[in-house]
Protein backbone atom coordinates (compact mmCIF):
# COMPACT_ATOMS: atom_id res chain seq x y z
CA UNK A 1 26.15 -16.72 -49.57
CA UNK A 2 23.45 -16.15 -52.20
CA UNK A 3 20.76 -13.69 -51.27
CA UNK A 4 17.64 -12.57 -53.03
CA UNK A 5 16.44 -9.54 -51.12
CA UNK A 6 12.75 -9.14 -50.51
CA UNK A 7 11.04 -6.65 -52.75
CA UNK A 8 10.48 -3.08 -51.72
CA UNK A 9 6.72 -2.79 -51.51
CA UNK A 10 5.73 0.75 -52.35
CA UNK A 11 2.45 2.50 -52.97
CA UNK A 12 4.27 4.36 -55.72
CA UNK A 13 5.92 2.78 -58.71
CA UNK A 14 8.98 5.01 -58.41
CA UNK A 15 11.02 6.08 -55.41
CA UNK A 16 11.44 9.43 -57.11
CA UNK A 17 7.87 10.14 -56.01
CA UNK A 18 9.12 10.00 -52.41
CA UNK A 19 12.36 11.93 -52.80
CA UNK A 20 14.58 13.19 -55.59
CA UNK A 21 18.31 13.34 -56.23
CA UNK A 22 18.67 16.76 -54.63
CA UNK A 23 16.83 15.53 -51.57
CA UNK A 24 19.38 12.75 -51.10
CA UNK A 25 22.33 15.01 -51.81
CA UNK A 26 21.12 17.55 -49.24
CA UNK A 27 20.61 14.83 -46.63
CA UNK A 28 24.09 13.40 -47.18
CA UNK A 29 25.75 16.81 -47.07
CA UNK A 30 23.97 17.68 -43.85
CA UNK A 31 24.94 14.43 -42.15
CA UNK A 32 28.58 14.36 -43.20
CA UNK A 33 29.08 18.06 -42.54
CA UNK A 34 27.83 17.38 -39.04
CA UNK A 35 30.50 14.70 -38.61
CA UNK A 36 33.19 17.02 -39.95
CA UNK A 37 32.21 20.20 -38.12
CA UNK A 38 31.55 18.86 -34.65
CA UNK A 39 34.83 18.65 -32.74
CA UNK A 40 33.90 15.55 -30.77
CA UNK A 41 32.48 13.52 -33.65
CA UNK A 42 35.32 14.58 -35.91
CA UNK A 43 37.87 13.43 -33.33
CA UNK A 44 36.16 10.03 -33.34
CA UNK A 45 35.54 9.71 -37.08
CA UNK A 46 38.43 11.66 -38.63
CA UNK A 47 40.23 8.45 -39.62
CA UNK A 48 37.14 7.09 -41.35
CA UNK A 49 36.92 7.16 -45.17
CA UNK A 50 33.96 9.53 -44.97
CA UNK A 51 34.06 10.54 -48.64
CA UNK A 52 33.87 6.93 -49.80
CA UNK A 53 30.99 6.16 -47.45
CA UNK A 54 29.14 9.29 -48.55
CA UNK A 55 29.68 8.51 -52.23
CA UNK A 56 28.59 4.88 -51.86
CA UNK A 57 25.40 5.94 -50.10
CA UNK A 58 24.80 8.55 -52.76
CA UNK A 59 25.15 5.96 -55.52
CA UNK A 60 22.93 3.55 -53.60
CA UNK A 61 20.04 5.99 -53.44
CA UNK A 62 20.53 7.10 -57.04
CA UNK A 63 20.26 3.44 -58.04
CA UNK A 64 17.06 3.06 -56.02
CA UNK A 65 15.58 6.21 -57.54
CA UNK A 66 16.42 4.82 -60.99
CA UNK A 67 14.75 1.52 -60.00
CA UNK A 68 18.02 -0.40 -60.19
CA UNK A 69 17.72 -2.31 -56.93
CA UNK A 70 20.29 -4.92 -57.94
CA UNK A 71 22.93 -2.23 -58.30
CA UNK A 72 21.93 -0.79 -54.93
CA UNK A 73 22.32 -4.26 -53.38
CA UNK A 74 25.74 -4.67 -54.96
CA UNK A 75 26.98 -1.35 -53.58
CA UNK A 76 25.59 -1.97 -50.10
CA UNK A 77 26.88 -5.53 -49.89
CA UNK A 78 30.38 -4.40 -50.87
CA UNK A 79 30.18 -1.49 -48.44
CA UNK A 80 29.28 -3.86 -45.61
CA UNK A 81 32.26 -6.05 -46.45
CA UNK A 82 34.46 -2.95 -46.67
CA UNK A 83 33.40 -1.84 -43.18
CA UNK A 84 34.41 -5.22 -41.79
CA UNK A 85 37.72 -5.35 -43.67
CA UNK A 86 38.67 -1.86 -42.47
CA UNK A 87 37.45 -2.53 -38.93
CA UNK A 88 34.88 0.26 -39.10
CA UNK A 89 31.99 0.01 -36.62
CA UNK A 90 28.72 -0.91 -38.30
CA UNK A 91 26.99 1.35 -35.78
CA UNK A 92 28.46 4.33 -37.66
CA UNK A 93 26.61 3.25 -40.80
CA UNK A 94 23.36 2.80 -38.88
CA UNK A 95 23.80 6.22 -37.29
CA UNK A 96 24.33 7.79 -40.71
CA UNK A 97 21.18 6.16 -42.04
CA UNK A 98 19.19 7.30 -39.01
CA UNK A 99 20.31 10.90 -39.51
CA UNK A 100 19.49 10.80 -43.23
CA UNK A 101 16.07 9.32 -42.56
CA UNK A 102 15.30 11.98 -39.95
CA UNK A 103 16.28 14.74 -42.37
CA UNK A 104 14.01 13.34 -45.08
CA UNK A 105 11.08 12.80 -42.73
CA UNK A 106 11.36 16.31 -41.30
CA UNK A 107 11.92 18.05 -44.61
CA UNK A 108 8.22 18.37 -45.36
CA UNK A 109 8.79 17.28 -48.96
CA UNK A 110 6.94 13.97 -48.77
CA UNK A 111 3.77 13.78 -50.88
CA UNK A 112 1.74 12.82 -47.81
CA UNK A 113 2.28 11.68 -44.24
CA UNK A 114 1.53 8.06 -45.16
CA UNK A 115 4.79 7.91 -47.08
CA UNK A 116 6.75 7.86 -43.83
CA UNK A 117 6.23 4.08 -43.77
CA UNK A 118 7.76 3.79 -47.23
CA UNK A 119 10.77 5.83 -46.14
CA UNK A 120 11.20 3.56 -43.12
CA UNK A 121 11.08 0.54 -45.40
CA UNK A 122 13.69 1.94 -47.78
CA UNK A 123 16.15 2.53 -44.96
CA UNK A 124 15.41 -0.90 -43.52
CA UNK A 125 16.36 -2.32 -46.91
CA UNK A 126 19.58 -0.27 -47.01
CA UNK A 127 20.66 -1.31 -43.51
CA UNK A 128 19.71 -4.92 -44.16
CA UNK A 129 21.83 -5.41 -47.28
CA UNK A 130 24.76 -3.56 -45.71
CA UNK A 131 24.50 -5.83 -42.65
CA UNK A 132 24.49 -8.89 -44.87
CA UNK A 133 27.77 -7.81 -46.45
CA UNK A 134 29.34 -7.18 -43.04
CA UNK A 135 28.06 -10.51 -41.73
CA UNK A 136 29.42 -12.34 -44.77
CA UNK A 137 33.02 -11.44 -43.94
CA UNK A 138 32.53 -11.89 -40.22
CA UNK A 139 31.32 -15.50 -40.45
CA UNK A 140 34.07 -16.43 -42.92
CA UNK A 141 36.71 -15.23 -40.45
CA UNK A 142 34.98 -16.94 -37.53
CA UNK A 143 34.69 -20.21 -39.43
CA UNK A 144 38.43 -20.15 -40.11
CA UNK A 145 39.06 -19.49 -36.42
CA UNK A 146 36.84 -22.39 -35.32
CA UNK A 147 38.47 -24.77 -37.79
CA UNK A 148 41.93 -23.77 -36.56
CA UNK A 149 40.86 -24.37 -32.96
CA UNK A 150 39.42 -27.78 -33.84
CA UNK A 151 42.67 -28.77 -35.55
CA UNK A 152 44.66 -27.72 -32.48
CA UNK A 153 42.33 -29.61 -30.14
CA UNK A 154 42.41 -32.73 -32.30
CA UNK A 155 46.15 -33.06 -31.80
CA UNK A 156 46.12 -31.89 -28.20
CA UNK A 157 46.43 -33.92 -25.01
CA UNK A 158 44.86 -31.13 -22.95
CA UNK A 159 42.19 -32.08 -20.45
CA UNK A 160 40.14 -29.19 -21.85
CA UNK A 161 39.69 -31.06 -25.12
CA UNK A 162 36.66 -33.07 -24.08
CA UNK A 163 34.92 -30.00 -22.65
CA UNK A 164 35.23 -27.50 -25.47
CA UNK A 165 35.36 -29.66 -28.60
CA UNK A 166 31.62 -30.38 -28.60
CA UNK A 167 30.63 -26.75 -28.74
CA UNK A 168 33.26 -25.82 -31.29
CA UNK A 169 31.82 -28.50 -33.58
CA UNK A 170 28.34 -27.14 -32.82
CA UNK A 171 29.30 -23.54 -33.63
CA UNK A 172 31.08 -24.66 -36.80
CA UNK A 173 27.86 -26.22 -38.09
CA UNK A 174 25.83 -23.16 -37.15
CA UNK A 175 28.23 -20.85 -38.99
CA UNK A 176 27.93 -23.05 -42.06
CA UNK A 177 24.15 -22.72 -41.86
CA UNK A 178 24.52 -18.94 -41.82
CA UNK A 179 26.93 -18.98 -44.77
CA UNK A 180 24.43 -21.00 -46.79
CA UNK A 181 21.40 -19.20 -45.34
CA UNK A 182 19.89 -22.45 -44.11
CA UNK A 183 17.18 -21.49 -41.66
CA UNK A 184 16.45 -25.17 -40.94
CA UNK A 185 18.82 -25.78 -38.08
CA UNK A 186 21.68 -28.27 -38.46
CA UNK A 187 22.39 -28.07 -34.73
CA UNK A 188 20.50 -28.91 -31.56
CA UNK A 189 18.92 -25.71 -30.26
CA UNK A 190 17.82 -27.07 -26.88
CA UNK A 191 20.69 -26.41 -24.43
CA UNK A 192 19.91 -29.59 -22.48
CA UNK A 193 20.06 -31.84 -25.56
CA UNK A 194 23.25 -30.84 -27.33
CA UNK A 195 26.32 -32.99 -26.59
CA UNK A 196 27.84 -30.45 -24.23
CA UNK A 197 24.52 -29.84 -22.47
CA UNK A 198 23.88 -33.54 -21.93
CA UNK A 199 27.31 -33.95 -20.36
CA UNK A 200 26.78 -30.90 -18.19
CA UNK A 201 23.47 -32.24 -16.87
CA UNK A 202 24.71 -35.82 -16.43
CA UNK A 203 27.36 -34.75 -13.95
CA UNK A 204 30.31 -36.01 -15.99
CA UNK A 205 32.03 -32.67 -15.48
CA UNK A 206 31.32 -32.47 -11.75
CA UNK A 207 34.63 -33.96 -10.54
CA UNK A 208 36.55 -31.06 -12.05
CA UNK A 209 33.81 -28.40 -12.11
CA UNK A 210 33.02 -26.46 -8.96
CA UNK A 211 29.35 -25.68 -8.33
CA UNK A 212 30.09 -21.97 -8.76
CA UNK A 213 31.60 -22.41 -12.20
CA UNK A 214 29.03 -25.00 -13.22
CA UNK A 215 26.26 -22.46 -12.61
CA UNK A 216 28.12 -19.79 -14.58
CA UNK A 217 28.85 -22.15 -17.47
CA UNK A 218 25.25 -23.39 -17.55
CA UNK A 219 23.98 -19.81 -17.72
CA UNK A 220 26.36 -18.85 -20.54
CA UNK A 221 25.57 -22.05 -22.42
CA UNK A 222 21.83 -21.34 -22.22
CA UNK A 223 22.39 -17.82 -23.59
CA UNK A 224 24.33 -19.24 -26.53
CA UNK A 225 21.44 -21.51 -27.46
CA UNK A 226 18.91 -18.73 -27.01
CA UNK A 227 20.90 -16.58 -29.42
CA UNK A 228 21.11 -19.48 -31.86
CA UNK A 229 17.32 -19.79 -31.91
CA UNK A 230 17.05 -16.07 -32.64
CA UNK A 231 19.63 -16.40 -35.41
CA UNK A 232 17.61 -19.04 -37.25
CA UNK A 233 14.47 -16.94 -36.86
CA UNK A 234 16.15 -13.83 -38.28
CA UNK A 235 17.73 -15.89 -41.04
CA UNK A 236 14.34 -17.21 -42.14
CA UNK A 237 12.95 -13.67 -42.15
CA UNK A 238 16.08 -12.33 -43.90
CA UNK A 239 16.47 -9.70 -41.19
CA UNK A 240 20.22 -9.41 -41.44
CA UNK A 241 20.69 -6.40 -39.19
CA UNK A 242 19.07 -8.29 -36.32
CA UNK A 243 20.95 -11.44 -37.31
CA UNK A 244 24.30 -9.64 -37.27
CA UNK A 245 23.77 -8.22 -33.80
CA UNK A 246 22.52 -11.52 -32.37
CA UNK A 247 25.38 -13.44 -33.99
CA UNK A 248 27.97 -11.12 -32.44
CA UNK A 249 26.27 -11.56 -29.07
CA UNK A 250 26.39 -15.35 -29.45
CA UNK A 251 30.06 -15.42 -30.45
CA UNK A 252 30.86 -13.24 -27.44
CA UNK A 253 29.24 -15.83 -25.20
CA UNK A 254 31.05 -18.68 -26.94
CA UNK A 255 34.30 -16.93 -26.01
CA UNK A 256 33.04 -16.47 -22.44
CA UNK A 257 32.14 -20.16 -22.25
CA UNK A 258 35.59 -21.30 -23.34
CA UNK A 259 37.44 -18.82 -21.11
CA UNK A 260 35.29 -19.71 -18.08
CA UNK A 261 35.98 -23.42 -18.57
CA UNK A 262 39.68 -22.61 -18.82
CA UNK A 263 39.53 -20.46 -15.70
CA UNK A 264 37.82 -23.25 -13.78
CA UNK A 265 40.60 -25.63 -14.78
CA UNK A 266 43.23 -23.12 -13.67
CA UNK A 267 41.57 -22.71 -10.27
CA UNK A 268 41.20 -26.47 -9.83
CA UNK A 269 44.84 -27.07 -10.82
CA UNK A 270 46.11 -24.44 -8.39
CA UNK A 271 43.99 -25.86 -5.62
CA UNK A 272 45.20 -29.39 -6.30
CA UNK A 273 48.81 -28.26 -6.27
CA UNK A 274 48.14 -26.18 -3.15
CA UNK A 275 49.72 -23.15 -4.73
CA UNK A 276 48.82 -19.70 -3.48
CA UNK A 277 48.69 -17.58 -6.66
CA UNK A 278 49.43 -14.43 -4.61
CA UNK A 279 52.82 -15.77 -3.57
CA UNK A 280 53.91 -16.96 -6.99
CA UNK A 281 56.57 -14.73 -8.53
């Protein structure tokens, strides 16, 4: 997943004109001491590798101060991947950045009030590259999952095959677009024109799809396509934090779509067999 981050546009040639090394060190110490000294937050975060996260952020900002943005990108990208590999919530990273930013903005050390915009932009950059690293590992794992599911379905005689294969193929193509940062869509974004959507509208599914579940499935399917449109927009703009959140939301709905179709089949099968599920041992 190659990425060439957009330039930091600053009124000043050097970030050191906005904050210095001590400024960053003080901000990090304040934030991480807060995590360690508050009983509730410490109970939540005590298993986190706080020292590593603090050190990586420290090195990131030192690199930015020294005008080595490529090194900062490298650290942040790896940190994002590390968060995913260790199952650490990305929200913790965003919270840390928000606390650091607030400390810097309130410190009164900025050359002038106009520099608040530059500070905002720096932290947007930091969160964006981190999010890209996290997203990188997430989509690789999801692509492997989708491929495994498609292999299972290919050799399956299940009646579900015809209903879920279309959207697994669709999501597989979308994930590949994300991996290659192709913002020109390889999939149909209109929910009424994709293969699954056309079948849903045509009534092909009606014999085994109750009106209740058809409405639910149609709603979920529309949400998936809406998220996909947002994903391509964020990909074009290289707004990876937004892209990450929207992608997770879409994958959640893909899971809901598949499980709802499966639930409908279970209900239909029970009804056909005239089995009362409450009396089954």
